[in-house]
């Protein structure tokens, strides 16, 4: 069962009390138009090479080596699976033609 957070809920104030408690707002000010290079937060605009500068750290090199070996092993497993599937298909075709070939 999920654990519940045991926090007290906030007491509700009526709308007039909450309006009185807020600080006065600053007057509206004119905002300058954004430059053409502006991008909204969260959007990815990078294309091409990475932006990292300088030599990578030893920990980063080790992590990348582990990732590369995992990917290589994964591709090897995939190749073995495809080869076995093709061999089974060929064997099934030969057996079928031997049995039903007449």
PDB file of N, CA and C in Angstrom:
ATOM      1  N   UNK A   1       0.839  -1.176   0.000  1.00  0.00           N
ATOM      2  CA  UNK A   1       0.000   0.000   0.000  1.00  0.00           C
ATOM      3  C   UNK A   1       0.884   1.238   0.000  1.00  0.00           C
ATOM      4  N   UNK A   2       0.492   2.256  -0.704  1.00  0.00           N
ATOM      5  CA  UNK A   2       1.288   3.471  -0.806  1.00  0.00           C
ATOM      6  C   UNK A   2       1.328   4.211   0.521  1.00  0.00           C
ATOM      7  N   UNK A   3       2.462   4.799   0.789  1.00  0.00           N
ATOM      8  CA  UNK A   3       2.625   5.545   2.029  1.00  0.00           C
ATOM      9  C   UNK A   3       2.057   6.944   1.853  1.00  0.00           C
ATOM     10  N   UNK A   4       1.307   7.402   2.806  1.00  0.00           N
ATOM     11  CA  UNK A   4       0.685   8.725   2.702  1.00  0.00           C
ATOM     12  C   UNK A   4       1.527   9.746   3.437  1.00  0.00           C
ATOM     13  N   UNK A   5       1.626  10.909   2.868  1.00  0.00           N
ATOM     14  CA  UNK A   5       2.307  11.999   3.556  1.00  0.00           C
ATOM     15  C   UNK A   5       1.365  12.575   4.596  1.00  0.00           C
ATOM     16  N   UNK A   6       1.829  12.646   5.806  1.00  0.00           N
ATOM     17  CA  UNK A   6       0.975  13.126   6.888  1.00  0.00           C
ATOM     18  C   UNK A   6       1.283  14.579   7.178  1.00  0.00           C
ATOM     19  N   UNK A   7       0.776  15.429   6.358  1.00  0.00           N
ATOM     20  CA  UNK A   7       0.926  16.863   6.584  1.00  0.00           C
ATOM     21  C   UNK A   7      -0.447  17.469   6.755  1.00  0.00           C
ATOM     22  N   UNK A   8      -0.512  18.496   7.541  1.00  0.00           N
ATOM     23  CA  UNK A   8      -1.794  19.152   7.761  1.00  0.00           C
ATOM     24  C   UNK A   8      -2.122  20.027   6.568  1.00  0.00           C
ATOM     25  N   UNK A   9      -3.386  20.040   6.218  1.00  0.00           N
ATOM     26  CA  UNK A   9      -3.804  20.894   5.116  1.00  0.00           C
ATOM     27  C   UNK A   9      -3.864  22.343   5.601  1.00  0.00           C
ATOM     28  N   UNK A  10      -3.670  23.253   4.702  1.00  0.00           N
ATOM     29  CA  UNK A  10      -3.706  24.668   5.061  1.00  0.00           C
ATOM     30  C   UNK A  10      -5.137  25.110   5.311  1.00  0.00           C
ATOM     31  N   UNK A  11      -5.274  25.997   6.257  1.00  0.00           N
ATOM     32  CA  UNK A  11      -6.622  26.500   6.515  1.00  0.00           C
ATOM     33  C   UNK A  11      -7.002  27.484   5.407  1.00  0.00           C
ATOM     34  N   UNK A  12      -8.241  27.442   5.032  1.00  0.00           N
ATOM     35  CA  UNK A  12      -8.700  28.314   3.949  1.00  0.00           C
ATOM     36  C   UNK A  12      -9.167  29.642   4.506  1.00  0.00           C
ATOM     37  N   UNK A  13      -8.768  30.700   3.819  1.00  0.00           N
ATOM     38  CA  UNK A  13      -9.237  32.027   4.218  1.00  0.00           C
ATOM     39  C   UNK A  13     -10.271  32.498   3.211  1.00  0.00           C
ATOM     40  N   UNK A  14     -11.155  33.334   3.634  1.00  0.00           N
ATOM     41  CA  UNK A  14     -12.124  33.847   2.672  1.00  0.00           C
ATOM     42  C   UNK A  14     -11.420  34.815   1.718  1.00  0.00           C
ATOM     43  N   UNK A  15     -12.046  35.116   0.604  1.00  0.00           N
ATOM     44  CA  UNK A  15     -11.387  35.879  -0.455  1.00  0.00           C
ATOM     45  C   UNK A  15     -11.050  37.297  -0.029  1.00  0.00           C
ATOM     46  N   UNK A  16     -11.851  37.920   0.813  1.00  0.00           N
ATOM     47  CA  UNK A  16     -11.533  39.295   1.223  1.00  0.00           C
ATOM     48  C   UNK A  16     -10.295  39.321   2.099  1.00  0.00           C
ATOM     49  N   UNK A  17     -10.129  38.348   2.959  1.00  0.00           N
ATOM     50  CA  UNK A  17      -8.941  38.297   3.804  1.00  0.00           C
ATOM     51  C   UNK A  17      -7.698  38.030   2.972  1.00  0.00           C
ATOM     52  N   UNK A  18      -7.827  37.170   1.975  1.00  0.00           N
ATOM     53  CA  UNK A  18      -6.659  36.871   1.158  1.00  0.00           C
ATOM     54  C   UNK A  18      -6.272  38.064   0.285  1.00  0.00           C
ATOM     55  N   UNK A  19      -7.262  38.863  -0.126  1.00  0.00           N
ATOM     56  CA  UNK A  19      -6.951  40.048  -0.928  1.00  0.00           C
ATOM     57  C   UNK A  19      -6.243  41.098  -0.095  1.00  0.00           C
ATOM     58  N   UNK A  20      -6.648  41.216   1.157  1.00  0.00           N
ATOM     59  CA  UNK A  20      -6.003  42.198   2.030  1.00  0.00           C
ATOM     60  C   UNK A  20      -4.571  41.812   2.354  1.00  0.00           C
ATOM     61  N   UNK A  21      -4.286  40.514   2.401  1.00  0.00           N
ATOM     62  CA  UNK A  21      -2.972  40.049   2.813  1.00  0.00           C
ATOM     63  C   UNK A  21      -1.926  40.151   1.707  1.00  0.00           C
ATOM     64  N   UNK A  22      -2.348  40.283   0.465  1.00  0.00           N
ATOM     65  CA  UNK A  22      -1.372  40.333  -0.621  1.00  0.00           C
ATOM     66  C   UNK A  22      -0.696  41.681  -0.681  1.00  0.00           C
ATOM     67  N   UNK A  23       0.518  41.682  -1.173  1.00  0.00           N
ATOM     68  CA  UNK A  23       1.255  42.937  -1.297  1.00  0.00           C
ATOM     69  C   UNK A  23       0.787  43.677  -2.542  1.00  0.00           C
ATOM     70  N   UNK A  24       0.890  44.990  -2.538  1.00  0.00           N
ATOM     71  CA  UNK A  24       0.455  45.734  -3.718  1.00  0.00           C
ATOM     72  C   UNK A  24       1.354  45.427  -4.909  1.00  0.00           C
ATOM     73  N   UNK A  25       0.734  45.384  -6.060  1.00  0.00           N
ATOM     74  CA  UNK A  25       1.487  45.063  -7.275  1.00  0.00           C
ATOM     75  C   UNK A  25       2.201  46.295  -7.803  1.00  0.00           C
ATOM     76  N   UNK A  26       3.324  46.031  -8.486  1.00  0.00           N
ATOM     77  CA  UNK A  26       4.044  47.118  -9.137  1.00  0.00           C
ATOM     78  C   UNK A  26       3.292  47.497 -10.404  1.00  0.00           C
ATOM     79  N   UNK A  27       3.406  48.752 -10.823  1.00  0.00           N
ATOM     80  CA  UNK A  27       2.715  49.139 -12.057  1.00  0.00           C
ATOM     81  C   UNK A  27       3.296  48.393 -13.253  1.00  0.00           C
ATOM     82  N   UNK A  28       2.445  48.203 -14.237  1.00  0.00           N
ATOM     83  CA  UNK A  28       2.881  47.512 -15.455  1.00  0.00           C
ATOM     84  C   UNK A  28       3.999  48.300 -16.111  1.00  0.00           C
ATOM     85  N   UNK A  29       5.023  47.592 -16.541  1.00  0.00           N
ATOM     86  CA  UNK A  29       6.112  48.286 -17.230  1.00  0.00           C
ATOM     87  C   UNK A  29       6.235  47.737 -18.636  1.00  0.00           C
ATOM     88  N   UNK A  30       6.733  48.573 -19.507  1.00  0.00           N
ATOM     89  CA  UNK A  30       6.890  48.164 -20.902  1.00  0.00           C
ATOM     90  C   UNK A  30       8.030  47.155 -20.996  1.00  0.00           C
ATOM     91  N   UNK A  31       7.760  46.042 -21.671  1.00  0.00           N
ATOM     92  CA  UNK A  31       8.805  45.038 -21.843  1.00  0.00           C
ATOM     93  C   UNK A  31       9.411  45.192 -23.219  1.00  0.00           C
ATOM     94  N   UNK A  32      10.713  45.054 -23.265  1.00  0.00           N
ATOM     95  CA  UNK A  32      11.417  45.155 -24.544  1.00  0.00           C
ATOM     96  C   UNK A  32      11.157  43.880 -25.338  1.00  0.00           C
ATOM     97  N   UNK A  33      11.024  43.982 -26.642  1.00  0.00           N
ATOM     98  CA  UNK A  33      10.813  42.774 -27.445  1.00  0.00           C
ATOM     99  C   UNK A  33      12.034  41.860 -27.350  1.00  0.00           C
ATOM    100  N   UNK A  34      11.790  40.589 -27.380  1.00  0.00           N
ATOM    101  CA  UNK A  34      12.877  39.617 -27.264  1.00  0.00           C
ATOM    102  C   UNK A  34      13.690  39.583 -28.546  1.00  0.00           C
ATOM    103  N   UNK A  35      14.951  39.225 -28.386  1.00  0.00           N
ATOM    104  CA  UNK A  35      15.822  39.139 -29.557  1.00  0.00           C
ATOM    105  C   UNK A  35      15.461  37.914 -30.379  1.00  0.00           C
ATOM    106  N   UNK A  36      15.965  37.842 -31.582  1.00  0.00           N
ATOM    107  CA  UNK A  36      15.630  36.728 -32.464  1.00  0.00           C
ATOM    108  C   UNK A  36      16.251  35.425 -32.002  1.00  0.00           C
ATOM    109  N   UNK A  37      17.311  35.484 -31.194  1.00  0.00           N
ATOM    110  CA  UNK A  37      17.961  34.275 -30.718  1.00  0.00           C
ATOM    111  C   UNK A  37      17.290  33.669 -29.507  1.00  0.00           C
ATOM    112  N   UNK A  38      16.203  34.237 -29.051  1.00  0.00           N
ATOM    113  CA  UNK A  38      15.541  33.742 -27.843  1.00  0.00           C
ATOM    114  C   UNK A  38      14.842  32.422 -28.130  1.00  0.00           C
ATOM    115  N   UNK A  39      14.993  31.489 -27.214  1.00  0.00           N
ATOM    116  CA  UNK A  39      14.276  30.212 -27.292  1.00  0.00           C
ATOM    117  C   UNK A  39      13.585  29.972 -25.970  1.00  0.00           C
ATOM    118  N   UNK A  40      12.417  29.398 -26.031  1.00  0.00           N
ATOM    119  CA  UNK A  40      11.700  29.070 -24.806  1.00  0.00           C
ATOM    120  C   UNK A  40      12.468  27.997 -24.049  1.00  0.00           C
ATOM    121  N   UNK A  41      12.320  27.997 -22.733  1.00  0.00           N
ATOM    122  CA  UNK A  41      13.025  27.018 -21.926  1.00  0.00           C
ATOM    123  C   UNK A  41      12.536  25.623 -22.238  1.00  0.00           C
ATOM    124  N   UNK A  42      13.446  24.695 -22.342  1.00  0.00           N
ATOM    125  CA  UNK A  42      13.058  23.322 -22.595  1.00  0.00           C
ATOM    126  C   UNK A  42      13.166  22.924 -24.052  1.00  0.00           C
ATOM    127  N   UNK A  43      13.238  23.878 -24.960  1.00  0.00           N
ATOM    128  CA  UNK A  43      13.364  23.518 -26.363  1.00  0.00           C
ATOM    129  C   UNK A  43      14.830  23.283 -26.676  1.00  0.00           C
ATOM    130  N   UNK A  44      15.083  22.369 -27.563  1.00  0.00           N
ATOM    131  CA  UNK A  44      16.454  22.019 -27.927  1.00  0.00           C
ATOM    132  C   UNK A  44      16.758  22.651 -29.275  1.00  0.00           C
ATOM    133  N   UNK A  45      17.760  23.510 -29.290  1.00  0.00           N
ATOM    134  CA  UNK A  45      18.102  24.195 -30.531  1.00  0.00           C
ATOM    135  C   UNK A  45      19.473  23.793 -31.036  1.00  0.00           C
ATOM    136  N   UNK A  46      20.161  22.898 -30.294  1.00  0.00           N
ATOM    137  CA  UNK A  46      21.507  22.531 -30.695  1.00  0.00           C
ATOM    138  C   UNK A  46      21.476  21.561 -31.859  1.00  0.00           C
ATOM    139  N   UNK A  47      22.386  21.755 -32.788  1.00  0.00           N
ATOM    140  CA  UNK A  47      22.524  20.851 -33.914  1.00  0.00           C
ATOM    141  C   UNK A  47      24.013  20.635 -34.117  1.00  0.00           C
ATOM    142  N   UNK A  48      24.415  19.407 -34.411  1.00  0.00           N
ATOM    143  CA  UNK A  48      25.822  19.176 -34.713  1.00  0.00           C
ATOM    144  C   UNK A  48      26.609  18.706 -33.518  1.00  0.00           C
ATOM    145  N   UNK A  49      27.755  19.304 -33.306  1.00  0.00           N
ATOM    146  CA  UNK A  49      28.695  18.861 -32.284  1.00  0.00           C
ATOM    147  C   UNK A  49      28.239  19.243 -30.884  1.00  0.00           C
ATOM    148  N   UNK A  50      28.815  18.571 -29.892  1.00  0.00           N
ATOM    149  CA  UNK A  50      28.490  18.891 -28.513  1.00  0.00           C
ATOM    150  C   UNK A  50      29.146  20.207 -28.134  1.00  0.00           C
ATOM    151  N   UNK A  51      28.650  20.816 -27.055  1.00  0.00           N
ATOM    152  CA  UNK A  51      29.172  22.110 -26.631  1.00  0.00           C
ATOM    153  C   UNK A  51      30.257  21.965 -25.580  1.00  0.00           C
ATOM    154  N   UNK A  52      30.623  20.745 -25.234  1.00  0.00           N
ATOM    155  CA  UNK A  52      31.622  20.544 -24.188  1.00  0.00           C
ATOM    156  C   UNK A  52      32.979  21.046 -24.667  1.00  0.00           C
ATOM    157  N   UNK A  53      33.696  21.689 -23.764  1.00  0.00           N
ATOM    158  CA  UNK A  53      35.018  22.208 -24.097  1.00  0.00           C
ATOM    159  C   UNK A  53      36.032  21.580 -23.165  1.00  0.00           C
ATOM    160  N   UNK A  54      37.213  21.344 -23.664  1.00  0.00           N
ATOM    161  CA  UNK A  54      38.275  20.789 -22.836  1.00  0.00           C
ATOM    162  C   UNK A  54      38.261  19.275 -22.837  1.00  0.00           C
ATOM    163  N   UNK A  55      39.209  18.701 -22.120  1.00  0.00           N
ATOM    164  CA  UNK A  55      39.337  17.248 -22.050  1.00  0.00           C
ATOM    165  C   UNK A  55      38.261  16.675 -21.122  1.00  0.00           C
ATOM    166  N   UNK A  56      37.686  15.524 -21.493  1.00  0.00           N
ATOM    167  CA  UNK A  56      36.676  14.916 -20.627  1.00  0.00           C
ATOM    168  C   UNK A  56      37.308  14.345 -19.364  1.00  0.00           C
ATOM    169  N   UNK A  57      36.528  14.251 -18.320  1.00  0.00           N
ATOM    170  CA  UNK A  57      37.031  13.718 -17.055  1.00  0.00           C
ATOM    171  C   UNK A  57      37.182  12.203 -17.154  1.00  0.00           C
ATOM    172  N   UNK A  58      37.943  11.638 -16.220  1.00  0.00           N
ATOM    173  CA  UNK A  58      38.164  10.191 -16.209  1.00  0.00           C
ATOM    174  C   UNK A  58      36.862   9.448 -15.945  1.00  0.00           C
ATOM    175  N   UNK A  59      36.029   9.990 -15.068  1.00  0.00           N
ATOM    176  CA  UNK A  59      34.750   9.340 -14.778  1.00  0.00           C
ATOM    177  C   UNK A  59      33.857   9.321 -16.016  1.00  0.00           C
ATOM    178  N   UNK A  60      33.874  10.393 -16.786  1.00  0.00           N
ATOM    179  CA  UNK A  60      33.078  10.453 -18.012  1.00  0.00           C
ATOM    180  C   UNK A  60      33.599   9.459 -19.045  1.00  0.00           C
ATOM    181  N   UNK A  61      34.919   9.332 -19.139  1.00  0.00           N
ATOM    182  CA  UNK A  61      35.512   8.366 -20.062  1.00  0.00           C
ATOM    183  C   UNK A  61      35.127   6.939 -19.686  1.00  0.00           C
ATOM    184  N   UNK A  62      35.173   6.619 -18.385  1.00  0.00           N
ATOM    185  CA  UNK A  62      34.784   5.277 -17.934  1.00  0.00           C
ATOM    186  C   UNK A  62      33.321   5.003 -18.236  1.00  0.00           C
ATOM    187  N   UNK A  63      32.472   5.987 -17.988  1.00  0.00           N
ATOM    188  CA  UNK A  63      31.034   5.806 -18.250  1.00  0.00           C
ATOM    189  C   UNK A  63      30.771   5.592 -19.742  1.00  0.00           C
ATOM    190  N   UNK A  64      31.485   6.334 -20.580  1.00  0.00           N
ATOM    191  CA  UNK A  64      31.276   6.175 -22.020  1.00  0.00           C
ATOM    192  C   UNK A  64      31.793   4.819 -22.496  1.00  0.00           C
ATOM    193  N   UNK A  65      32.900   4.332 -21.908  1.00  0.00           N
ATOM    194  CA  UNK A  65      33.416   3.023 -22.274  1.00  0.00           C
ATOM    195  C   UNK A  65      32.425   1.921 -21.893  1.00  0.00           C
ATOM    196  N   UNK A  66      31.844   2.033 -20.702  1.00  0.00           N
ATOM    197  CA  UNK A  66      30.849   1.055 -20.266  1.00  0.00           C
ATOM    198  C   UNK A  66      29.645   1.083 -21.209  1.00  0.00           C
ATOM    199  N   UNK A  67      29.221   2.276 -21.589  1.00  0.00           N
ATOM    200  CA  UNK A  67      28.068   2.404 -22.491  1.00  0.00           C
ATOM    201  C   UNK A  67      28.378   1.811 -23.866  1.00  0.00           C
ATOM    202  N   UNK A  68      29.570   2.069 -24.385  1.00  0.00           N
ATOM    203  CA  UNK A  68      29.949   1.518 -25.696  1.00  0.00           C
ATOM    204  C   UNK A  68      29.994  -0.004 -25.673  1.00  0.00           C
ATOM    205  N   UNK A  69      30.555  -0.595 -24.617  1.00  0.00           N
ATOM    206  CA  UNK A  69      30.608  -2.056 -24.554  1.00  0.00           C
ATOM    207  C   UNK A  69      29.209  -2.648 -24.427  1.00  0.00           C
ATOM    208  N   UNK A  70      28.325  -1.971 -23.696  1.00  0.00           N
ATOM    209  CA  UNK A  70      26.947  -2.459 -23.577  1.00  0.00           C
ATOM    210  C   UNK A  70      26.260  -2.440 -24.945  1.00  0.00           C
ATOM    211  N   UNK A  71      26.439  -1.364 -25.682  1.00  0.00           N
ATOM    212  CA  UNK A  71      25.804  -1.258 -26.997  1.00  0.00           C
ATOM    213  C   UNK A  71      26.370  -2.307 -27.948  1.00  0.00           C
ATOM    214  N   UNK A  72      27.694  -2.520 -27.900  1.00  0.00           N
ATOM    215  CA  UNK A  72      28.305  -3.529 -28.770  1.00  0.00           C
ATOM    216  C   UNK A  72      27.776  -4.924 -28.445  1.00  0.00           C
ATOM    217  N   UNK A  73      27.675  -5.253 -27.151  1.00  0.00           N
ATOM    218  CA  UNK A  73      27.131  -6.556 -26.764  1.00  0.00           C
ATOM    219  C   UNK A  73      25.672  -6.687 -27.178  1.00  0.00           C
ATOM    220  N   UNK A  74      24.929  -5.596 -27.068  1.00  0.00           N
ATOM    221  CA  UNK A  74      23.521  -5.616 -27.442  1.00  0.00           C
ATOM    222  C   UNK A  74      23.367  -5.880 -28.939  1.00  0.00           C
ATOM    223  N   UNK A  75      24.205  -5.232 -29.758  1.00  0.00           N
ATOM    224  CA  UNK A  75      24.139  -5.479 -31.200  1.00  0.00           C
ATOM    225  C   UNK A  75      24.564  -6.909 -31.532  1.00  0.00           C
ATOM    226  N   UNK A  76      25.538  -7.444 -30.790  1.00  0.00           N
ATOM    227  CA  UNK A  76      25.942  -8.831 -31.013  1.00  0.00           C
ATOM    228  C   UNK A  76      24.792  -9.781 -30.699  1.00  0.00           C
ATOM    229  N   UNK A  77      24.118  -9.538 -29.579  1.00  0.00           N
ATOM    230  CA  UNK A  77      22.967 -10.381 -29.228  1.00  0.00           C
ATOM    231  C   UNK A  77      21.879 -10.307 -30.288  1.00  0.00           C
ATOM    232  N   UNK A  78      21.640  -9.115 -30.789  1.00  0.00           N
ATOM    233  CA  UNK A  78      20.630  -8.931 -31.825  1.00  0.00           C
ATOM    234  C   UNK A  78      21.017  -9.671 -33.100  1.00  0.00           C
ATOM    235  N   UNK A  79      22.296  -9.603 -33.480  1.00  0.00           N
ATOM    236  CA  UNK A  79      22.762 -10.294 -34.685  1.00  0.00           C
ATOM    237  C   UNK A  79      22.632 -11.809 -34.532  1.00  0.00           C
ATOM    238  N   UNK A  80      22.963 -12.346 -33.359  1.00  0.00           N
ATOM    239  CA  UNK A  80      22.831 -13.784 -33.122  1.00  0.00           C
ATOM    240  C   UNK A  80      21.361 -14.197 -33.200  1.00  0.00           C
ATOM    241  N   UNK A  81      20.474 -13.390 -32.639  1.00  0.00           N
ATOM    242  CA  UNK A  81      19.044 -13.697 -32.681  1.00  0.00           C
ATOM    243  C   UNK A  81      18.528 -13.718 -34.112  1.00  0.00           C
ATOM    244  N   UNK A  82      18.927 -12.736 -34.906  1.00  0.00           N
ATOM    245  CA  UNK A  82      18.488 -12.677 -36.307  1.00  0.00           C
ATOM    246  C   UNK A  82      19.050 -13.863 -37.081  1.00  0.00           C
ATOM    247  N   UNK A  83      20.317 -14.218 -36.850  1.00  0.00           N
ATOM    248  CA  UNK A  83      20.928 -15.349 -37.552  1.00  0.00           C
ATOM    249  C   UNK A  83      20.214 -16.654 -37.212  1.00  0.00           C
ATOM    250  N   UNK A  84      19.885 -16.858 -35.943  1.00  0.00           N
ATOM    251  CA  UNK A  84      19.166 -18.080 -35.548  1.00  0.00           C
ATOM    252  C   UNK A  84      17.776 -18.111 -36.172  1.00  0.00           C
ATOM    253  N   UNK A  85      17.101 -16.963 -36.206  1.00  0.00           N
ATOM    254  CA  UNK A  85      15.767 -16.914 -36.800  1.00  0.00           C
ATOM    255  C   UNK A  85      15.823 -17.239 -38.294  1.00  0.00           C
ATOM    256  N   UNK A  86      16.818 -16.691 -38.990  1.00  0.00           N
ATOM    257  CA  UNK A  86      16.950 -16.991 -40.422  1.00  0.00           C
ATOM    258  C   UNK A  86      17.285 -18.463 -40.647  1.00  0.00           C
ATOM    259  N   UNK A  87      18.158 -19.022 -39.819  1.00  0.00           N
ATOM    260  CA  UNK A  87      18.499 -20.439 -39.959  1.00  0.00           C
ATOM    261  C   UNK A  87      17.268 -21.314 -39.729  1.00  0.00           C
ATOM    262  N   UNK A  88      16.452 -20.975 -38.743  1.00  0.00           N
ATOM    263  CA  UNK A  88      15.221 -21.748 -38.500  1.00  0.00           C
ATOM    264  C   UNK A  88      14.246 -21.634 -39.668  1.00  0.00           C
ATOM    265  N   UNK A  89      14.147 -20.437 -40.243  1.00  0.00           N
ATOM    266  CA  UNK A  89      13.255 -20.271 -41.402  1.00  0.00           C
ATOM    267  C   UNK A  89      13.730 -21.116 -42.585  1.00  0.00           C
ATOM    268  N   UNK A  90      15.031 -21.099 -42.840  1.00  0.00           N
ATOM    269  CA  UNK A  90      15.574 -21.880 -43.955  1.00  0.00           C
ATOM    270  C   UNK A  90      15.379 -23.375 -43.701  1.00  0.00           C
ATOM    271  N   UNK A  91      15.655 -23.810 -42.454  1.00  0.00           N
ATOM    272  CA  UNK A  91      15.473 -25.229 -42.126  1.00  0.00           C
ATOM    273  C   UNK A  91      14.012 -25.629 -42.239  1.00  0.00           C
ATOM    274  N   UNK A  92      13.097 -24.776 -41.800  1.00  0.00           N
ATOM    275  CA  UNK A  92      11.673 -25.098 -41.911  1.00  0.00           C
ATOM    276  C   UNK A  92      11.254 -25.177 -43.370  1.00  0.00           C
ATOM    277  N   UNK A  93      11.786 -24.300 -44.198  1.00  0.00           N
ATOM    278  CA  UNK A  93      11.462 -24.357 -45.624  1.00  0.00           C
ATOM    279  C   UNK A  93      11.976 -25.623 -46.276  1.00  0.00           C
ATOM    280  N   UNK A  94      13.206 -26.031 -45.915  1.00  0.00           N
ATOM    281  CA  UNK A  94      13.756 -27.276 -46.488  1.00  0.00           C
ATOM    282  C   UNK A  94      12.953 -28.488 -46.019  1.00  0.00           C
ATOM    283  N   UNK A  95      12.609 -28.526 -44.751  1.00  0.00           N
ATOM    284  CA  UNK A  95      11.817 -29.659 -44.235  1.00  0.00           C
ATOM    285  C   UNK A  95      10.447 -29.698 -44.883  1.00  0.00           C
ATOM    286  N   UNK A  96       9.845 -28.547 -45.045  1.00  0.00           N
ATOM    287  CA  UNK A  96       8.525 -28.504 -45.687  1.00  0.00           C
ATOM    288  C   UNK A  96       8.584 -28.979 -47.137  1.00  0.00           C
ATOM    289  N   UNK A  97       9.614 -28.518 -47.852  1.00  0.00           N
ATOM    290  CA  UNK A  97       9.720 -28.951 -49.256  1.00  0.00           C
ATOM    291  C   UNK A  97      10.047 -30.441 -49.350  1.00  0.00           C
ATOM    292  N   UNK A  98      10.769 -30.979 -48.382  1.00  0.00           N
ATOM    293  CA  UNK A  98      11.074 -32.419 -48.411  1.00  0.00           C
ATOM    294  C   UNK A  98       9.828 -33.243 -48.133  1.00  0.00           C
ATOM    295  N   UNK A  99       8.985 -32.763 -47.217  1.00  0.00           N
ATOM    296  CA  UNK A  99       7.792 -33.515 -46.858  1.00  0.00           C
ATOM    297  C   UNK A  99       6.692 -33.336 -47.900  1.00  0.00           C
ATOM    298  N   UNK A 100       6.429 -32.098 -48.289  1.00  0.00           N
ATOM    299  CA  UNK A 100       5.306 -31.814 -49.183  1.00  0.00           C
ATOM    300  C   UNK A 100       5.740 -31.613 -50.628  1.00  0.00           C
ATOM    301  N   UNK A 101       6.953 -31.883 -50.962  1.00  0.00           N
ATOM    302  CA  UNK A 101       7.470 -31.614 -52.289  1.00  0.00           C
ATOM    303  C   UNK A 101       6.930 -32.506 -53.382  1.00  0.00           C
ATOM    304  N   UNK A 102       6.296 -33.566 -53.031  1.00  0.00           N
ATOM    305  CA  UNK A 102       5.831 -34.514 -54.061  1.00  0.00           C
ATOM    306  C   UNK A 102       4.547 -34.166 -54.618  1.00  0.00           C
TER     307      UNK A 102
END
